[in-house]
């Protein structure tokens, strides 16, 4: 659910005048420092080897960095709820990819839960987004979904051998390098006031340290398809935060959608949506 806060904090940070490269370079650099400090504190038993660190940095530099960039550039053109709705095609892409690569096969309960979750996700965002679509923003959001699905599938091969905290630290390091380099080249280093830095800290702590570490741990335990399906509570979290923080009013259709999302998660977490791994 921590990911549901990212769009809200991101919108507010953009309103403070931060550019996307400046905001994301600061977000991932701070998150990486925190996660590496936690890794050291956890002791030698969780410290990864050089090869695992390189793989994590590569994931962050290319794949996770790409999905973050696409997401935030989409936020500059679309409402947060609409962006989140579009990104929720990712569960379909992950499920298809997992089956195509022979990693998982879908249970009947997951096949039932998936369309319920996607329909609910669409309804949650519909009330706030009618008429506000921007073609480039839509493309960016869908590209984020593709990159996110790729990250889930690729990172699943790493999480089995690396503790989620150092893996997340490596991924954030790669993303920090990507956006830090971009910010330097564009001359867009983070320059903002107390409010802007407060939002960056919130993004780093809640939307990155907590979110990406929990995601890596969940991916290791239940597999990419189930992990990404459970993330369909994100639109519900984001919509509630938008109501509380930004004063957006929830429409009846959004409450229906929220109920469907909760139903899908209950079906899955209640034991009906277990994945049977084939490899």
Protein backbone atom coordinates (compact mmCIF):
# COMPACT_ATOMS: atom_id res chain seq x y z
CA UNK A 1 0.00 0.00 0.00
CA UNK A 2 3.01 2.30 0.41
CA UNK A 3 3.16 2.64 -3.37
CA UNK A 4 -0.25 4.32 -3.27
CA UNK A 5 1.39 7.37 -1.69
CA UNK A 6 3.95 7.83 -4.45
CA UNK A 7 1.64 9.58 -6.92
CA UNK A 8 0.35 11.97 -4.25
CA UNK A 9 3.80 12.91 -2.96
CA UNK A 10 5.01 13.14 -6.55
CA UNK A 11 2.24 15.52 -7.60
CA UNK A 12 2.91 17.74 -4.60
CA UNK A 13 6.68 17.71 -5.26
CA UNK A 14 6.15 18.66 -8.90
CA UNK A 15 3.97 21.55 -7.69
CA UNK A 16 6.95 22.71 -5.62
CA UNK A 17 8.86 23.24 -8.86
CA UNK A 18 11.02 20.12 -8.84
CA UNK A 19 11.75 18.52 -12.19
CA UNK A 20 11.32 14.77 -12.62
CA UNK A 21 15.10 14.01 -12.86
CA UNK A 22 15.89 16.22 -9.84
CA UNK A 23 13.13 14.73 -7.72
CA UNK A 24 13.91 11.11 -8.59
CA UNK A 25 17.68 11.48 -8.23
CA UNK A 26 17.23 12.83 -4.69
CA UNK A 27 14.55 10.24 -3.87
CA UNK A 28 16.61 7.24 -4.92
CA UNK A 29 19.92 8.57 -3.55
CA UNK A 30 18.41 9.10 -0.09
CA UNK A 31 16.63 5.73 -0.20
CA UNK A 32 19.85 3.97 -1.24
CA UNK A 33 21.78 5.51 1.66
CA UNK A 34 19.12 4.39 4.15
CA UNK A 35 18.89 0.89 2.73
CA UNK A 36 22.67 0.39 2.66
CA UNK A 37 22.83 1.57 6.29
CA UNK A 38 20.14 -0.98 7.21
CA UNK A 39 22.07 -3.66 5.30
CA UNK A 40 25.21 -2.94 7.32
CA UNK A 41 23.17 -3.02 10.51
CA UNK A 42 21.67 -6.40 9.66
CA UNK A 43 25.12 -7.97 9.59
CA UNK A 44 27.28 -10.02 7.29
CA UNK A 45 24.69 -12.76 6.83
CA UNK A 46 22.55 -10.60 4.52
CA UNK A 47 25.30 -8.78 2.65
CA UNK A 48 25.28 -9.68 -1.06
CA UNK A 49 28.25 -10.56 -3.20
CA UNK A 50 29.62 -8.25 -5.87
CA UNK A 51 27.74 -10.11 -8.60
CA UNK A 52 24.38 -9.68 -6.87
CA UNK A 53 25.08 -5.99 -6.27
CA UNK A 54 25.87 -5.49 -9.96
CA UNK A 55 22.66 -7.26 -10.97
CA UNK A 56 20.61 -5.09 -8.61
CA UNK A 57 22.26 -1.90 -9.84
CA UNK A 58 21.59 -2.96 -13.44
CA UNK A 59 17.91 -3.57 -12.61
CA UNK A 60 17.65 -0.12 -11.06
CA UNK A 61 19.65 1.63 -13.75
CA UNK A 62 17.59 0.27 -16.62
CA UNK A 63 14.30 -1.36 -15.68
CA UNK A 64 13.17 0.12 -12.35
CA UNK A 65 14.54 3.51 -13.36
CA UNK A 66 12.56 3.33 -16.60
CA UNK A 67 9.28 2.54 -14.88
CA UNK A 68 9.80 5.34 -12.35
CA UNK A 69 10.61 7.84 -15.08
CA UNK A 70 7.63 6.86 -17.22
CA UNK A 71 5.37 7.03 -14.17
CA UNK A 72 6.39 10.50 -13.06
CA UNK A 73 6.48 11.95 -16.56
CA UNK A 74 2.97 10.58 -17.00
CA UNK A 75 1.99 12.38 -13.76
CA UNK A 76 3.02 15.67 -15.37
CA UNK A 77 0.29 15.13 -17.98
CA UNK A 78 -2.41 13.05 -16.26
CA UNK A 79 -4.29 12.91 -12.97
CA UNK A 80 -2.63 10.60 -10.46
CA UNK A 81 -5.66 8.28 -10.33
CA UNK A 82 -5.76 7.92 -14.11
CA UNK A 83 -2.03 7.15 -14.26
CA UNK A 84 -2.41 4.48 -11.58
CA UNK A 85 -5.37 2.94 -13.42
CA UNK A 86 -3.36 2.60 -16.62
CA UNK A 87 -0.37 1.13 -14.82
CA UNK A 88 -2.66 -1.59 -13.44
CA UNK A 89 -2.44 -3.45 -16.76
CA UNK A 90 0.88 -4.63 -15.27
CA UNK A 91 -0.70 -7.65 -13.49
CA UNK A 92 -1.90 -8.95 -16.85
CA UNK A 93 1.55 -8.47 -18.37
CA UNK A 94 3.26 -10.14 -15.41
CA UNK A 95 0.90 -13.10 -15.47
CA UNK A 96 1.34 -13.54 -19.20
CA UNK A 97 5.11 -13.22 -18.91
CA UNK A 98 5.33 -15.68 -16.01
CA UNK A 99 3.32 -18.26 -17.94
CA UNK A 100 5.20 -17.61 -21.19
CA UNK A 101 8.56 -18.18 -19.48
CA UNK A 102 7.29 -21.30 -17.73
CA UNK A 103 7.80 -19.90 -14.23
CA UNK A 104 4.22 -20.18 -13.02
CA UNK A 105 0.83 -21.46 -13.96
CA UNK A 106 -2.29 -19.65 -12.90
CA UNK A 107 -4.77 -21.18 -10.50
CA UNK A 108 -8.50 -20.88 -11.12
CA UNK A 109 -8.85 -18.46 -8.22
CA UNK A 110 -6.18 -16.15 -9.66
CA UNK A 111 -7.86 -16.25 -13.05
CA UNK A 112 -11.07 -15.12 -11.33
CA UNK A 113 -9.35 -12.53 -9.13
CA UNK A 114 -7.39 -10.89 -11.93
CA UNK A 115 -10.32 -9.54 -14.02
CA UNK A 116 -12.19 -8.52 -10.86
CA UNK A 117 -9.15 -6.54 -9.73
CA UNK A 118 -8.68 -4.88 -13.11
CA UNK A 119 -12.35 -3.91 -13.42
CA UNK A 120 -12.32 -2.55 -9.89
CA UNK A 121 -9.14 -0.59 -10.61
CA UNK A 122 -10.75 1.00 -13.66
CA UNK A 123 -13.85 1.99 -11.72
CA UNK A 124 -11.82 3.47 -8.85
CA UNK A 125 -10.14 5.94 -11.20
CA UNK A 126 -13.00 6.59 -13.64
CA UNK A 127 -14.83 9.21 -11.61
CA UNK A 128 -11.80 11.49 -11.40
CA UNK A 129 -10.44 11.12 -14.90
CA UNK A 130 -13.21 11.40 -17.46
CA UNK A 131 -12.19 13.88 -20.13
CA UNK A 132 -8.69 14.45 -18.74
CA UNK A 133 -6.77 12.02 -20.95
CA UNK A 134 -3.62 13.16 -22.74
CA UNK A 135 -2.30 10.90 -25.50
CA UNK A 136 1.37 11.15 -24.56
CA UNK A 137 0.53 10.77 -20.88
CA UNK A 138 -1.42 7.58 -21.64
CA UNK A 139 1.51 6.18 -23.64
CA UNK A 140 3.95 7.00 -20.82
CA UNK A 141 1.71 5.29 -18.24
CA UNK A 142 1.40 2.16 -20.39
CA UNK A 143 5.18 2.13 -20.93
CA UNK A 144 5.51 2.30 -17.14
CA UNK A 145 3.32 -0.80 -16.89
CA UNK A 146 5.52 -2.67 -19.37
CA UNK A 147 8.72 -1.66 -17.56
CA UNK A 148 7.21 -2.54 -14.19
CA UNK A 149 6.15 -5.99 -15.42
CA UNK A 150 9.67 -6.54 -16.75
CA UNK A 151 11.12 -5.55 -13.36
CA UNK A 152 8.86 -7.98 -11.50
CA UNK A 153 9.79 -10.85 -13.81
CA UNK A 154 13.52 -10.11 -13.88
CA UNK A 155 13.87 -9.38 -10.16
CA UNK A 156 12.12 -12.65 -9.28
CA UNK A 157 15.22 -14.48 -10.47
CA UNK A 158 17.35 -12.41 -8.05
CA UNK A 159 15.19 -12.30 -4.91
CA UNK A 160 15.59 -16.04 -4.33
CA UNK A 161 19.31 -15.57 -3.57
CA UNK A 162 19.53 -12.00 -2.19
CA UNK A 163 17.95 -10.54 0.96
CA UNK A 164 15.29 -7.95 -0.02
CA UNK A 165 17.01 -5.06 1.82
CA UNK A 166 20.40 -5.18 0.01
CA UNK A 167 18.61 -5.99 -3.23
CA UNK A 168 16.47 -2.87 -2.80
CA UNK A 169 19.58 -0.87 -1.89
CA UNK A 170 21.28 -2.00 -5.10
CA UNK A 171 18.21 -1.21 -7.21
CA UNK A 172 17.88 2.27 -5.68
CA UNK A 173 21.60 2.87 -6.27
CA UNK A 174 21.15 2.09 -9.95
CA UNK A 175 18.11 4.36 -10.23
CA UNK A 176 19.95 7.14 -8.37
CA UNK A 177 22.83 6.88 -10.84
CA UNK A 178 20.43 6.99 -13.80
CA UNK A 179 18.47 10.04 -12.68
CA UNK A 180 21.47 11.73 -11.06
CA UNK A 181 23.33 11.58 -14.35
CA UNK A 182 20.30 12.87 -16.20
CA UNK A 183 19.82 15.72 -13.72
CA UNK A 184 23.48 16.76 -14.02
CA UNK A 185 23.38 16.72 -17.82
CA UNK A 186 20.22 18.84 -17.83
CA UNK A 187 21.41 21.14 -15.07
CA UNK A 188 18.39 20.21 -12.96
CA UNK A 189 19.88 19.38 -9.58
CA UNK A 190 17.31 19.41 -6.77
CA UNK A 191 16.76 22.97 -5.59
CA UNK A 192 13.70 23.46 -3.45
CA UNK A 193 12.50 24.67 -0.08
CA UNK A 194 11.62 22.91 3.14
CA UNK A 195 8.31 21.65 1.76
CA UNK A 196 9.97 20.20 -1.35
CA UNK A 197 12.64 18.39 0.68
CA UNK A 198 9.99 17.11 3.06
CA UNK A 199 8.18 15.55 0.11
CA UNK A 200 11.41 14.03 -1.19
CA UNK A 201 12.05 12.49 2.24
CA UNK A 202 8.49 11.11 2.27
CA UNK A 203 9.00 9.65 -1.21
CA UNK A 204 12.30 8.10 -0.13
CA UNK A 205 11.05 6.61 3.14
CA UNK A 206 7.45 5.58 2.45
CA UNK A 207 7.34 5.33 -1.33
CA UNK A 208 10.75 3.71 -1.76
CA UNK A 209 12.44 2.19 1.33
CA UNK A 210 9.22 0.62 2.63
CA UNK A 211 7.56 0.01 -0.74
CA UNK A 212 10.37 -1.49 -2.78
CA UNK A 213 11.67 -3.66 0.10
CA UNK A 214 8.20 -5.03 0.83
CA UNK A 215 7.71 -5.66 -2.89
CA UNK A 216 10.99 -7.59 -3.15
CA UNK A 217 10.13 -9.66 -0.07
CA UNK A 218 6.64 -10.40 -1.39
CA UNK A 219 7.97 -11.30 -4.82
CA UNK A 220 10.31 -13.82 -3.23
CA UNK A 221 7.56 -15.41 -1.14
CA UNK A 222 4.57 -15.59 -3.48
CA UNK A 223 5.95 -15.01 -6.97
CA UNK A 224 5.53 -12.06 -9.34
CA UNK A 225 1.93 -12.72 -10.44
CA UNK A 226 0.49 -12.85 -6.92
CA UNK A 227 2.68 -10.00 -5.69
CA UNK A 228 1.57 -7.68 -8.45
CA UNK A 229 -2.08 -8.67 -8.04
CA UNK A 230 -1.94 -7.83 -4.33
CA UNK A 231 -0.71 -4.39 -5.38
CA UNK A 232 -4.11 -3.66 -6.89
CA UNK A 233 -4.94 -2.14 -3.51
CA UNK A 234 -2.69 0.72 -4.65
CA UNK A 235 -5.46 2.63 -6.51
CA UNK A 236 -7.65 2.37 -3.42
CA UNK A 237 -4.85 3.77 -1.24
CA UNK A 238 -4.06 6.51 -3.75
CA UNK A 239 -7.69 7.53 -4.12
CA UNK A 240 -8.17 7.75 -0.37
CA UNK A 241 -5.00 9.83 -0.01
CA UNK A 242 -6.12 12.10 -2.85
CA UNK A 243 -9.37 12.65 -0.97
CA UNK A 244 -7.60 13.40 2.31
CA UNK A 245 -4.61 15.40 1.02
CA UNK A 246 -5.88 17.00 -2.17
CA UNK A 247 -9.55 17.28 -1.30
CA UNK A 248 -10.79 15.15 -4.19
CA UNK A 249 -14.32 13.84 -3.69
CA UNK A 250 -14.98 10.15 -4.18
CA UNK A 251 -17.75 9.28 -6.63
CA UNK A 252 -20.15 6.33 -6.11
CA UNK A 253 -18.58 4.44 -9.01
CA UNK A 254 -15.21 4.69 -7.26
CA UNK A 255 -16.59 3.10 -4.12
CA UNK A 256 -17.90 0.21 -6.25
CA UNK A 257 -14.48 -0.17 -7.79
CA UNK A 258 -12.80 -0.09 -4.39
CA UNK A 259 -15.09 -2.89 -3.20
CA UNK A 260 -14.14 -5.01 -6.21
CA UNK A 261 -10.42 -4.47 -5.58
CA UNK A 262 -10.84 -5.54 -1.95
CA UNK A 263 -12.85 -8.59 -3.08
CA UNK A 264 -10.09 -9.65 -5.48
CA UNK A 265 -7.45 -9.39 -2.76
CA UNK A 266 -9.64 -11.30 -0.27
CA UNK A 267 -10.13 -14.10 -2.80
CA UNK A 268 -6.40 -14.35 -3.28
CA UNK A 269 -5.20 -13.94 0.30
CA UNK A 270 -7.87 -16.31 1.60
CA UNK A 271 -6.07 -19.21 0.02
CA UNK A 272 -8.09 -19.42 -3.17
CA UNK A 273 -5.45 -17.77 -5.31
CA UNK A 274 -2.34 -19.78 -4.67
CA UNK A 275 0.06 -20.16 -7.53
CA UNK A 276 1.48 -23.57 -8.31
CA UNK A 277 5.03 -23.12 -9.46
CA UNK A 278 6.18 -25.32 -12.27
CA UNK A 279 9.91 -24.51 -12.25
